[in-house]
Amino acid sequence: MKSGRVMQTAGIALAAGAIGAGVALLFAPQSGARTRRMFRRKAEDVGHDVHEAYERVKERGNGATRTLAYRLRMKLLPRKVLERVAGA
């Protein structure tokens, strides 16, 4: 549930950044080249933020998968099998 929330937040941030950039282009007092450079930098920043959010979600998912696998092994495997595996 939390990973969906992070992705939703990242999506909202991306959309807000795009809208803000569009408004900035409409009302920009500087030259076109300078505005494009500024827009490119902002887009790169947003892309970096989205990538970081994705990596955090991926890590949380990996941790949850490992925890679930461990818990299932503890509940489903007979104790003697676990002892043999631990001793190997």
Protein backbone atom coordinates (compact mmCIF):
# COMPACT_ATOMS: atom_id res chain seq x y z
CA MET A 1 0.00 0.00 0.00
CA LYS A 2 2.80 2.41 0.82
CA SER A 3 4.60 1.77 -2.47
CA GLY A 4 1.45 2.78 -4.36
CA ARG A 5 1.37 5.96 -2.34
CA VAL A 6 4.98 6.76 -3.23
CA MET A 7 4.31 6.19 -6.92
CA GLN A 8 1.18 8.37 -6.71
CA THR A 9 3.19 11.13 -5.04
CA ALA A 10 5.90 10.83 -7.70
CA GLY A 11 3.27 11.04 -10.44
CA ILE A 12 1.72 14.11 -8.88
CA ALA A 13 5.15 15.73 -8.55
CA LEU A 14 5.91 14.98 -12.19
CA ALA A 15 2.58 16.43 -13.36
CA ALA A 16 2.99 19.50 -11.17
CA GLY A 17 6.49 20.03 -12.53
CA ALA A 18 5.26 19.77 -16.11
CA ILE A 19 2.42 22.23 -15.47
CA GLY A 20 4.77 24.62 -13.69
CA ALA A 21 7.26 24.42 -16.54
CA GLY A 22 4.52 25.15 -19.08
CA VAL A 23 3.35 28.20 -17.15
CA ALA A 24 6.95 29.36 -16.79
CA LEU A 25 7.43 29.15 -20.55
CA LEU A 26 4.36 31.29 -21.13
CA PHE A 27 5.47 34.04 -18.77
CA ALA A 28 9.25 33.79 -19.08
CA PRO A 29 11.04 37.15 -19.22
CA GLN A 30 14.31 35.66 -20.54
CA SER A 31 15.39 34.47 -23.98
CA GLY A 32 14.19 31.24 -25.53
CA ALA A 33 17.58 29.52 -25.23
CA ARG A 34 17.84 30.39 -21.56
CA THR A 35 14.27 29.27 -20.91
CA ARG A 36 14.88 25.95 -22.70
CA ARG A 37 18.02 25.39 -20.64
CA MET A 38 16.10 26.09 -17.44
CA PHE A 39 13.28 23.80 -18.56
CA ARG A 40 15.75 21.00 -19.38
CA ARG A 41 17.38 21.26 -15.95
CA LYS A 42 14.04 21.17 -14.17
CA ALA A 43 12.96 18.14 -16.23
CA GLU A 44 16.23 16.38 -15.33
CA ASP A 45 15.63 17.14 -11.64
CA VAL A 46 12.10 15.72 -11.79
CA GLY A 47 13.38 12.65 -13.65
CA HIS A 48 16.01 12.12 -10.98
CA ASP A 49 13.40 12.42 -8.21
CA VAL A 50 11.11 9.91 -9.93
CA HIS A 51 14.01 7.49 -10.36
CA GLU A 52 14.90 7.77 -6.67
CA ALA A 53 11.27 7.13 -5.68
CA TYR A 54 11.20 4.06 -7.94
CA GLU A 55 14.39 2.70 -6.37
CA ARG A 56 12.96 3.14 -2.84
CA VAL A 57 9.78 1.31 -3.83
CA LYS A 58 11.80 -1.47 -5.44
CA GLU A 59 13.95 -1.92 -2.33
CA ARG A 60 10.91 -2.05 -0.06
CA GLY A 61 9.36 -4.65 -2.34
CA ASN A 62 12.52 -6.76 -2.28
CA GLY A 63 12.64 -6.60 1.51
CA ALA A 64 8.98 -7.57 1.80
CA THR A 65 9.53 -10.51 -0.56
CA ARG A 66 12.48 -11.78 1.48
CA THR A 67 10.52 -11.43 4.72
CA LEU A 68 7.52 -13.28 3.30
CA ALA A 69 9.70 -16.08 1.93
CA TYR A 70 11.40 -16.49 5.30
CA ARG A 71 8.11 -16.58 7.18
CA LEU A 72 6.66 -19.14 4.78
CA ARG A 73 9.73 -21.36 5.18
CA MET A 74 9.43 -21.19 8.95
CA LYS A 75 5.76 -22.18 8.86
CA LEU A 76 5.73 -24.72 6.04
CA LEU A 77 8.96 -26.69 6.34
CA PRO A 78 9.28 -29.39 9.00
CA ARG A 79 11.74 -28.56 11.77
CA LYS A 80 14.09 -31.45 10.84
CA VAL A 81 14.45 -30.11 7.29
CA LEU A 82 15.29 -26.67 8.61
CA GLU A 83 17.88 -28.13 10.99
CA ARG A 84 19.47 -30.12 8.14
CA VAL A 85 19.62 -27.03 5.91
CA ALA A 86 21.13 -24.95 8.71
CA GLY A 87 23.74 -27.64 9.39
CA ALA A 88 24.77 -28.03 5.74
